[in-house]
PDB file of all heavy atoms in Angstrom:
ATOM      1  N   PRO A   1     142.340   0.555 -70.684  1.00  0.00           N
ATOM      2  CA  PRO A   1     142.972   1.014 -69.451  1.00  0.00           C
ATOM      3  C   PRO A   1     144.452   0.633 -69.374  1.00  0.00           C
ATOM      4  O   PRO A   1     145.136   0.955 -68.404  1.00  0.00           O
ATOM      5  CB  PRO A   1     142.140   0.316 -68.384  1.00  0.00           C
ATOM      6  CG  PRO A   1     141.678  -0.933 -69.021  1.00  0.00           C
ATOM      7  CD  PRO A   1     141.395  -0.572 -70.449  1.00  0.00           C
ATOM      8  N   HIS A   2     144.930  -0.138 -70.355  1.00  0.00           N
ATOM      9  CA  HIS A   2     146.295  -0.596 -70.324  1.00  0.00           C
ATOM     10  C   HIS A   2     147.301   0.499 -70.728  1.00  0.00           C
ATOM     11  O   HIS A   2     146.942   1.410 -71.456  1.00  0.00           O
ATOM     12  CB  HIS A   2     146.433  -1.805 -71.232  1.00  0.00           C
ATOM     13  CG  HIS A   2     145.601  -2.976 -70.803  1.00  0.00           C
ATOM     14  ND1 HIS A   2     145.864  -3.719 -69.688  1.00  0.00           N
ATOM     15  CD2 HIS A   2     144.442  -3.468 -71.327  1.00  0.00           C
ATOM     16  CE1 HIS A   2     144.966  -4.667 -69.574  1.00  0.00           C
ATOM     17  NE2 HIS A   2     144.072  -4.532 -70.550  1.00  0.00           N
ATOM     18  N   ASP A   3     148.514   0.341 -70.220  1.00  0.00           N
ATOM     19  CA  ASP A   3     149.519   1.319 -70.563  1.00  0.00           C
ATOM     20  C   ASP A   3     150.872   0.667 -70.331  1.00  0.00           C
ATOM     21  O   ASP A   3     151.013  -0.386 -69.681  1.00  0.00           O
ATOM     22  CB  ASP A   3     149.389   2.574 -69.674  1.00  0.00           C
ATOM     23  CG  ASP A   3     150.080   3.773 -70.280  1.00  0.00           C
ATOM     24  OD1 ASP A   3     150.723   3.654 -71.374  1.00  0.00           O
ATOM     25  OD2 ASP A   3     149.932   4.885 -69.740  1.00  0.00           O
ATOM     26  N   ILE A   4     151.928   1.298 -70.858  1.00  0.00           N
ATOM     27  CA  ILE A   4     153.253   0.829 -70.659  1.00  0.00           C
ATOM     28  C   ILE A   4     153.755   1.290 -69.301  1.00  0.00           C
ATOM     29  O   ILE A   4     153.515   2.433 -68.900  1.00  0.00           O
ATOM     30  CB  ILE A   4     154.158   1.319 -71.803  1.00  0.00           C
ATOM     31  CG1 ILE A   4     155.497   0.594 -71.779  1.00  0.00           C
ATOM     32  CG2 ILE A   4     154.338   2.836 -71.759  1.00  0.00           C
ATOM     33  CD1 ILE A   4     156.336   0.857 -73.046  1.00  0.00           C
ATOM     34  N   LEU A   5     154.360   0.397 -68.539  1.00  0.00           N
ATOM     35  CA  LEU A   5     154.919   0.796 -67.252  1.00  0.00           C
ATOM     36  C   LEU A   5     156.135   1.669 -67.422  1.00  0.00           C
ATOM     37  O   LEU A   5     156.951   1.426 -68.354  1.00  0.00           O
ATOM     38  CB  LEU A   5     155.277  -0.407 -66.397  1.00  0.00           C
ATOM     39  CG  LEU A   5     154.121  -1.367 -65.970  1.00  0.00           C
ATOM     40  CD1 LEU A   5     154.622  -2.418 -65.006  1.00  0.00           C
ATOM     41  CD2 LEU A   5     152.964  -0.621 -65.350  1.00  0.00           C
ATOM     42  N   PRO A   6     156.375   2.615 -66.545  1.00  0.00           N
ATOM     43  CA  PRO A   6     157.590   3.441 -66.738  1.00  0.00           C
ATOM     44  C   PRO A   6     158.886   2.678 -66.609  1.00  0.00           C
ATOM     45  O   PRO A   6     159.880   3.018 -67.250  1.00  0.00           O
ATOM     46  CB  PRO A   6     157.446   4.495 -65.593  1.00  0.00           C
ATOM     47  CG  PRO A   6     155.982   4.486 -65.273  1.00  0.00           C
ATOM     48  CD  PRO A   6     155.503   3.089 -65.465  1.00  0.00           C
ATOM     49  N   ASN A   7     158.890   1.641 -65.757  1.00  0.00           N
ATOM     50  CA  ASN A   7     160.117   0.920 -65.479  1.00  0.00           C
ATOM     51  C   ASN A   7     159.973  -0.518 -65.977  1.00  0.00           C
ATOM     52  O   ASN A   7     159.121  -1.272 -65.512  1.00  0.00           O
ATOM     53  CB  ASN A   7     160.433   0.944 -63.965  1.00  0.00           C
ATOM     54  CG  ASN A   7     161.741   0.283 -63.634  1.00  0.00           C
ATOM     55  OD1 ASN A   7     162.454  -0.224 -64.496  1.00  0.00           O
ATOM     56  ND2 ASN A   7     162.058   0.215 -62.321  1.00  0.00           N
ATOM     57  N   PHE A   8     160.856  -0.939 -66.887  1.00  0.00           N
ATOM     58  CA  PHE A   8     160.788  -2.257 -67.476  1.00  0.00           C
ATOM     59  C   PHE A   8     160.854  -3.353 -66.392  1.00  0.00           C
ATOM     60  O   PHE A   8     160.161  -4.376 -66.498  1.00  0.00           O
ATOM     61  CB  PHE A   8     161.940  -2.453 -68.480  1.00  0.00           C
ATOM     62  CG  PHE A   8     161.959  -3.755 -69.174  1.00  0.00           C
ATOM     63  CD1 PHE A   8     161.117  -3.993 -70.276  1.00  0.00           C
ATOM     64  CD2 PHE A   8     162.817  -4.798 -68.782  1.00  0.00           C
ATOM     65  CE1 PHE A   8     161.117  -5.230 -70.944  1.00  0.00           C
ATOM     66  CE2 PHE A   8     162.832  -5.988 -69.460  1.00  0.00           C
ATOM     67  CZ  PHE A   8     161.977  -6.223 -70.548  1.00  0.00           C
ATOM     68  N   ALA A   9     161.686  -3.186 -65.383  1.00  0.00           N
ATOM     69  CA  ALA A   9     161.863  -4.200 -64.355  1.00  0.00           C
ATOM     70  C   ALA A   9     160.587  -4.411 -63.544  1.00  0.00           C
ATOM     71  O   ALA A   9     160.453  -5.469 -62.933  1.00  0.00           O
ATOM     72  CB  ALA A   9     163.031  -3.803 -63.441  1.00  0.00           C
ATOM     73  N   ASP A  10     159.692  -3.428 -63.534  1.00  0.00           N
ATOM     74  CA  ASP A  10     158.512  -3.550 -62.696  1.00  0.00           C
ATOM     75  C   ASP A  10     157.454  -4.524 -63.297  1.00  0.00           C
ATOM     76  O   ASP A  10     156.476  -4.871 -62.639  1.00  0.00           O
ATOM     77  CB  ASP A  10     157.854  -2.187 -62.525  1.00  0.00           C
ATOM     78  CG  ASP A  10     158.627  -1.261 -61.598  1.00  0.00           C
ATOM     79  OD1 ASP A  10     159.505  -1.811 -60.840  1.00  0.00           O
ATOM     80  OD2 ASP A  10     158.405  -0.060 -61.618  1.00  0.00           O
ATOM     81  N   ILE A  11     157.674  -4.959 -64.549  1.00  0.00           N
ATOM     82  CA  ILE A  11     156.684  -5.866 -65.184  1.00  0.00           C
ATOM     83  C   ILE A  11     156.751  -7.226 -64.552  1.00  0.00           C
ATOM     84  O   ILE A  11     155.736  -7.916 -64.460  1.00  0.00           O
ATOM     85  CB  ILE A  11     157.033  -5.980 -66.680  1.00  0.00           C
ATOM     86  CG1 ILE A  11     156.985  -4.636 -67.409  1.00  0.00           C
ATOM     87  CG2 ILE A  11     156.096  -6.991 -67.354  1.00  0.00           C
ATOM     88  CD1 ILE A  11     157.527  -4.712 -68.829  1.00  0.00           C
ATOM     89  N   TRP A  12     157.891  -7.684 -64.019  1.00  0.00           N
ATOM     90  CA  TRP A  12     158.159  -9.064 -63.788  1.00  0.00           C
ATOM     91  C   TRP A  12     157.960  -9.576 -62.339  1.00  0.00           C
ATOM     92  O   TRP A  12     157.789 -10.753 -62.160  1.00  0.00           O
ATOM     93  CB  TRP A  12     159.544  -9.430 -64.272  1.00  0.00           C
ATOM     94  CG  TRP A  12     159.782  -8.894 -65.665  1.00  0.00           C
ATOM     95  CD1 TRP A  12     160.546  -7.851 -66.023  1.00  0.00           C
ATOM     96  CD2 TRP A  12     159.106  -9.320 -66.832  1.00  0.00           C
ATOM     97  NE1 TRP A  12     160.445  -7.627 -67.345  1.00  0.00           N
ATOM     98  CE2 TRP A  12     159.565  -8.540 -67.922  1.00  0.00           C
ATOM     99  CE3 TRP A  12     158.189 -10.370 -67.121  1.00  0.00           C
ATOM    100  CZ2 TRP A  12     159.133  -8.723 -69.211  1.00  0.00           C
ATOM    101  CZ3 TRP A  12     157.767 -10.537 -68.424  1.00  0.00           C
ATOM    102  CH2 TRP A  12     158.221  -9.737 -69.419  1.00  0.00           C
ATOM    103  N   PRO A  13     158.033  -8.751 -61.315  1.00  0.00           N
ATOM    104  CA  PRO A  13     157.905  -9.318 -59.944  1.00  0.00           C
ATOM    105  C   PRO A  13     156.574  -9.939 -59.678  1.00  0.00           C
ATOM    106  O   PRO A  13     155.530  -9.514 -60.166  1.00  0.00           O
ATOM    107  CB  PRO A  13     158.081  -8.083 -59.068  1.00  0.00           C
ATOM    108  CG  PRO A  13     158.839  -7.065 -59.863  1.00  0.00           C
ATOM    109  CD  PRO A  13     158.378  -7.299 -61.264  1.00  0.00           C
ATOM    110  N   LEU A  14     156.570 -11.020 -58.894  1.00  0.00           N
ATOM    111  CA  LEU A  14     155.295 -11.676 -58.528  1.00  0.00           C
ATOM    112  C   LEU A  14     154.390 -10.727 -57.820  1.00  0.00           C
ATOM    113  O   LEU A  14     153.168 -10.829 -57.992  1.00  0.00           O
ATOM    114  CB  LEU A  14     155.604 -12.884 -57.607  1.00  0.00           C
ATOM    115  CG  LEU A  14     156.109 -14.158 -58.288  1.00  0.00           C
ATOM    116  CD1 LEU A  14     156.465 -15.177 -57.205  1.00  0.00           C
ATOM    117  CD2 LEU A  14     155.025 -14.742 -59.184  1.00  0.00           C
ATOM    118  N   SER A  15     154.935  -9.814 -57.063  1.00  0.00           N
ATOM    119  CA  SER A  15     154.107  -8.875 -56.331  1.00  0.00           C
ATOM    120  C   SER A  15     153.391  -7.867 -57.208  1.00  0.00           C
ATOM    121  O   SER A  15     152.468  -7.195 -56.766  1.00  0.00           O
ATOM    122  CB  SER A  15     154.980  -8.101 -55.308  1.00  0.00           C
ATOM    123  OG  SER A  15     156.010  -7.378 -55.972  1.00  0.00           O
ATOM    124  N   ASN A  16     153.786  -7.801 -58.491  1.00  0.00           N
ATOM    125  CA  ASN A  16     153.173  -6.858 -59.398  1.00  0.00           C
ATOM    126  C   ASN A  16     152.532  -7.556 -60.630  1.00  0.00           C
ATOM    127  O   ASN A  16     152.388  -6.956 -61.689  1.00  0.00           O
ATOM    128  CB  ASN A  16     154.199  -5.814 -59.847  1.00  0.00           C
ATOM    129  CG  ASN A  16     153.585  -4.569 -60.464  1.00  0.00           C
ATOM    130  OD1 ASN A  16     152.473  -4.173 -60.018  1.00  0.00           O
ATOM    131  ND2 ASN A  16     154.207  -3.966 -61.409  1.00  0.00           N
ATOM    132  N   GLU A  17     152.175  -8.816 -60.451  1.00  0.00           N
ATOM    133  CA  GLU A  17     151.554  -9.523 -61.570  1.00  0.00           C
ATOM    134  C   GLU A  17     150.183  -8.873 -61.912  1.00  0.00           C
ATOM    135  O   GLU A  17     149.550  -8.252 -61.117  1.00  0.00           O
ATOM    136  CB  GLU A  17     151.313 -11.001 -61.206  1.00  0.00           C
ATOM    137  CG  GLU A  17     152.608 -11.790 -61.234  1.00  0.00           C
ATOM    138  CD  GLU A  17     152.349 -13.289 -61.258  1.00  0.00           C
ATOM    139  OE1 GLU A  17     151.576 -13.775 -60.397  1.00  0.00           O
ATOM    140  OE2 GLU A  17     152.858 -13.989 -62.127  1.00  0.00           O
ATOM    141  N   ASN A  18     149.803  -9.083 -63.151  1.00  0.00           N
ATOM    142  CA  ASN A  18     148.548  -8.509 -63.671  1.00  0.00           C
ATOM    143  C   ASN A  18     148.545  -7.008 -63.559  1.00  0.00           C
ATOM    144  O   ASN A  18     147.493  -6.376 -63.284  1.00  0.00           O
ATOM    145  CB  ASN A  18     147.328  -9.117 -62.980  1.00  0.00           C
ATOM    146  CG  ASN A  18     147.264 -10.632 -63.210  1.00  0.00           C
ATOM    147  OD1 ASN A  18     147.378 -11.086 -64.314  1.00  0.00           O
ATOM    148  ND2 ASN A  18     147.088 -11.409 -62.132  1.00  0.00           N
ATOM    149  N   ASN A  19     149.715  -6.373 -63.756  1.00  0.00           N
ATOM    150  CA  ASN A  19     149.786  -4.929 -63.754  1.00  0.00           C
ATOM    151  C   ASN A  19     149.165  -4.390 -65.006  1.00  0.00           C
ATOM    152  O   ASN A  19     148.738  -5.110 -65.888  1.00  0.00           O
ATOM    153  CB  ASN A  19     151.238  -4.452 -63.593  1.00  0.00           C
ATOM    154  CG  ASN A  19     152.161  -5.038 -64.698  1.00  0.00           C
ATOM    155  OD1 ASN A  19     152.045  -4.661 -65.849  1.00  0.00           O
ATOM    156  ND2 ASN A  19     153.018  -5.952 -64.330  1.00  0.00           N
ATOM    157  N   LYS A  20     149.074  -3.078 -65.152  1.00  0.00           N
ATOM    158  CA  LYS A  20     148.304  -2.461 -66.222  1.00  0.00           C
ATOM    159  C   LYS A  20     148.929  -2.723 -67.622  1.00  0.00           C
ATOM    160  O   LYS A  20     148.247  -2.480 -68.614  1.00  0.00           O
ATOM    161  CB  LYS A  20     148.140  -0.953 -65.995  1.00  0.00           C
ATOM    162  CG  LYS A  20     149.434  -0.136 -66.043  1.00  0.00           C
ATOM    163  CD  LYS A  20     149.153   1.341 -65.770  1.00  0.00           C
ATOM    164  CE  LYS A  20     150.421   2.160 -65.805  1.00  0.00           C
ATOM    165  NZ  LYS A  20     150.116   3.588 -65.560  1.00  0.00           N
ATOM    166  N   GLU A  21     150.179  -3.141 -67.647  1.00  0.00           N
ATOM    167  CA  GLU A  21     150.768  -3.477 -68.958  1.00  0.00           C
ATOM    168  C   GLU A  21     150.321  -4.802 -69.494  1.00  0.00           C
ATOM    169  O   GLU A  21     150.343  -5.033 -70.692  1.00  0.00           O
ATOM    170  CB  GLU A  21     152.313  -3.406 -68.865  1.00  0.00           C
ATOM    171  CG  GLU A  21     152.957  -3.669 -70.247  1.00  0.00           C
ATOM    172  CD  GLU A  21     154.387  -3.137 -70.350  1.00  0.00           C
ATOM    173  OE1 GLU A  21     154.752  -2.269 -69.567  1.00  0.00           O
ATOM    174  OE2 GLU A  21     155.098  -3.601 -71.235  1.00  0.00           O
ATOM    175  N   ILE A  22     149.856  -5.681 -68.606  1.00  0.00           N
ATOM    176  CA  ILE A  22     149.492  -7.054 -69.012  1.00  0.00           C
ATOM    177  C   ILE A  22     148.064  -7.029 -69.592  1.00  0.00           C
ATOM    178  O   ILE A  22     147.099  -6.799 -68.861  1.00  0.00           O
ATOM    179  CB  ILE A  22     149.578  -8.028 -67.840  1.00  0.00           C
ATOM    180  CG1 ILE A  22     150.980  -7.911 -67.183  1.00  0.00           C
ATOM    181  CG2 ILE A  22     149.305  -9.427 -68.309  1.00  0.00           C
ATOM    182  CD1 ILE A  22     152.125  -8.142 -68.117  1.00  0.00           C
ATOM    183  N   VAL A  23     147.967  -7.327 -70.875  1.00  0.00           N
ATOM    184  CA  VAL A  23     146.656  -7.349 -71.515  1.00  0.00           C
ATOM    185  C   VAL A  23     145.988  -8.705 -71.346  1.00  0.00           C
ATOM    186  O   VAL A  23     144.755  -8.764 -71.195  1.00  0.00           O
ATOM    187  CB  VAL A  23     146.821  -7.003 -73.042  1.00  0.00           C
ATOM    188  CG1 VAL A  23     145.474  -7.010 -73.713  1.00  0.00           C
ATOM    189  CG2 VAL A  23     147.497  -5.622 -73.205  1.00  0.00           C
ATOM    190  N   TRP A  24     146.770  -9.746 -71.360  1.00  0.00           N
ATOM    191  CA  TRP A  24     146.231 -11.079 -71.045  1.00  0.00           C
ATOM    192  C   TRP A  24     147.384 -11.965 -70.656  1.00  0.00           C
ATOM    193  O   TRP A  24     148.397 -11.971 -71.309  1.00  0.00           O
ATOM    194  CB  TRP A  24     145.458 -11.712 -72.218  1.00  0.00           C
ATOM    195  CG  TRP A  24     144.827 -12.997 -71.819  1.00  0.00           C
ATOM    196  CD1 TRP A  24     143.847 -13.156 -70.902  1.00  0.00           C
ATOM    197  CD2 TRP A  24     145.166 -14.299 -72.307  1.00  0.00           C
ATOM    198  NE1 TRP A  24     143.502 -14.518 -70.769  1.00  0.00           N
ATOM    199  CE2 TRP A  24     144.287 -15.226 -71.646  1.00  0.00           C
ATOM    200  CE3 TRP A  24     146.043 -14.782 -73.235  1.00  0.00           C
ATOM    201  CZ2 TRP A  24     144.330 -16.603 -71.887  1.00  0.00           C
ATOM    202  CZ3 TRP A  24     146.114 -16.149 -73.481  1.00  0.00           C
ATOM    203  CH2 TRP A  24     145.226 -17.039 -72.827  1.00  0.00           C
ATOM    204  N   ALA A  25     147.183 -12.700 -69.561  1.00  0.00           N
ATOM    205  CA  ALA A  25     148.187 -13.660 -69.084  1.00  0.00           C
ATOM    206  C   ALA A  25     147.491 -14.963 -68.701  1.00  0.00           C
ATOM    207  O   ALA A  25     146.349 -14.937 -68.188  1.00  0.00           O
ATOM    208  CB  ALA A  25     148.941 -13.104 -67.875  1.00  0.00           C
ATOM    209  N   ILE A  26     148.146 -16.056 -68.866  1.00  0.00           N
ATOM    210  CA  ILE A  26     147.655 -17.363 -68.387  1.00  0.00           C
ATOM    211  C   ILE A  26     148.049 -17.418 -66.920  1.00  0.00           C
ATOM    212  O   ILE A  26     149.177 -17.282 -66.564  1.00  0.00           O
ATOM    213  CB  ILE A  26     148.287 -18.514 -69.182  1.00  0.00           C
ATOM    214  CG1 ILE A  26     147.908 -18.427 -70.656  1.00  0.00           C
ATOM    215  CG2 ILE A  26     147.842 -19.860 -68.614  1.00  0.00           C
ATOM    216  CD1 ILE A  26     148.561 -19.467 -71.549  1.00  0.00           C
ATOM    217  N   GLN A  27     147.053 -17.630 -66.058  1.00  0.00           N
ATOM    218  CA  GLN A  27     147.218 -17.534 -64.624  1.00  0.00           C
ATOM    219  C   GLN A  27     147.617 -18.887 -64.025  1.00  0.00           C
ATOM    220  O   GLN A  27     146.955 -19.875 -64.209  1.00  0.00           O
ATOM    221  CB  GLN A  27     145.925 -17.069 -63.984  1.00  0.00           C
ATOM    222  CG  GLN A  27     145.336 -15.802 -64.586  1.00  0.00           C
ATOM    223  CD  GLN A  27     146.092 -14.578 -64.196  1.00  0.00           C
ATOM    224  OE1 GLN A  27     146.275 -14.284 -63.050  1.00  0.00           O
ATOM    225  NE2 GLN A  27     146.521 -13.790 -65.221  1.00  0.00           N
ATOM    226  N   PHE A  28     148.681 -18.839 -63.256  1.00  0.00           N
ATOM    227  CA  PHE A  28     149.080 -20.021 -62.442  1.00  0.00           C
ATOM    228  C   PHE A  28     148.999 -19.663 -60.976  1.00  0.00           C
ATOM    229  O   PHE A  28     149.066 -18.489 -60.617  1.00  0.00           O
ATOM    230  CB  PHE A  28     150.486 -20.450 -62.847  1.00  0.00           C
ATOM    231  CG  PHE A  28     150.562 -21.009 -64.215  1.00  0.00           C
ATOM    232  CD1 PHE A  28     150.795 -20.176 -65.306  1.00  0.00           C
ATOM    233  CD2 PHE A  28     150.437 -22.364 -64.491  1.00  0.00           C
ATOM    234  CE1 PHE A  28     150.842 -20.639 -66.616  1.00  0.00           C
ATOM    235  CE2 PHE A  28     150.508 -22.867 -65.795  1.00  0.00           C
ATOM    236  CZ  PHE A  28     150.675 -22.000 -66.850  1.00  0.00           C
ATOM    237  N   CYS A  29     148.856 -20.670 -60.158  1.00  0.00           N
ATOM    238  CA  CYS A  29     148.616 -20.364 -58.710  1.00  0.00           C
ATOM    239  C   CYS A  29     149.043 -21.526 -57.853  1.00  0.00           C
ATOM    240  O   CYS A  29     148.979 -22.677 -58.220  1.00  0.00           O
ATOM    241  CB  CYS A  29     147.154 -20.038 -58.505  1.00  0.00           C
ATOM    242  SG  CYS A  29     146.806 -19.203 -56.961  1.00  0.00           S
ATOM    243  N   SER A  30     149.485 -21.188 -56.629  1.00  0.00           N
ATOM    244  CA  SER A  30     149.945 -22.199 -55.710  1.00  0.00           C
ATOM    245  C   SER A  30     148.811 -22.739 -54.848  1.00  0.00           C
ATOM    246  O   SER A  30     147.755 -22.131 -54.745  1.00  0.00           O
ATOM    247  CB  SER A  30     151.013 -21.586 -54.759  1.00  0.00           C
ATOM    248  OG  SER A  30     150.381 -20.573 -53.966  1.00  0.00           O
ATOM    249  N   VAL A  31     149.053 -23.873 -54.219  1.00  0.00           N
ATOM    250  CA  VAL A  31     148.074 -24.441 -53.317  1.00  0.00           C
ATOM    251  C   VAL A  31     147.803 -23.493 -52.135  1.00  0.00           C
ATOM    252  O   VAL A  31     146.679 -23.287 -51.675  1.00  0.00           O
ATOM    253  CB  VAL A  31     148.585 -25.785 -52.744  1.00  0.00           C
ATOM    254  CG1 VAL A  31     147.641 -26.332 -51.661  1.00  0.00           C
ATOM    255  CG2 VAL A  31     148.653 -26.823 -53.868  1.00  0.00           C
ATOM    256  N   GLU A  32     148.878 -22.844 -51.688  1.00  0.00           N
ATOM    257  CA  GLU A  32     148.757 -21.919 -50.547  1.00  0.00           C
ATOM    258  C   GLU A  32     147.768 -20.803 -50.865  1.00  0.00           C
ATOM    259  O   GLU A  32     146.963 -20.393 -50.028  1.00  0.00           O
ATOM    260  CB  GLU A  32     150.117 -21.358 -50.206  1.00  0.00           C
ATOM    261  CG  GLU A  32     150.103 -20.328 -49.070  1.00  0.00           C
ATOM    262  CD  GLU A  32     151.465 -19.739 -48.810  1.00  0.00           C
ATOM    263  OE1 GLU A  32     152.436 -20.088 -49.524  1.00  0.00           O
ATOM    264  OE2 GLU A  32     151.571 -18.886 -47.904  1.00  0.00           O
ATOM    265  N   LYS A  33     147.829 -20.301 -52.085  1.00  0.00           N
ATOM    266  CA  LYS A  33     146.986 -19.155 -52.436  1.00  0.00           C
ATOM    267  C   LYS A  33     145.624 -19.573 -52.948  1.00  0.00           C
ATOM    268  O   LYS A  33     144.614 -18.867 -52.749  1.00  0.00           O
ATOM    269  CB  LYS A  33     147.670 -18.303 -53.516  1.00  0.00           C
ATOM    270  CG  LYS A  33     148.964 -17.644 -53.034  1.00  0.00           C
ATOM    271  CD  LYS A  33     149.602 -16.862 -54.191  1.00  0.00           C
ATOM    272  CE  LYS A  33     150.905 -16.218 -53.770  1.00  0.00           C
ATOM    273  NZ  LYS A  33     151.585 -15.512 -54.909  1.00  0.00           N
ATOM    274  N   CYS A  34     145.533 -20.678 -53.642  1.00  0.00           N
ATOM    275  CA  CYS A  34     144.316 -20.991 -54.395  1.00  0.00           C
ATOM    276  C   CYS A  34     143.755 -22.412 -54.154  1.00  0.00           C
ATOM    277  O   CYS A  34     142.731 -22.789 -54.792  1.00  0.00           O
ATOM    278  CB  CYS A  34     144.580 -20.858 -55.899  1.00  0.00           C
ATOM    279  SG  CYS A  34     145.167 -19.219 -56.366  1.00  0.00           S
TER     280      CYS A  34
END
């Protein structure tokens, strides 16, 4: 289901983490969220 995002800049924002381009990432999380 993975694919390349149309816009390179869209890979990096926190609001778009774990987007379809990311095949595997080491997950970090704040106290507030987790």
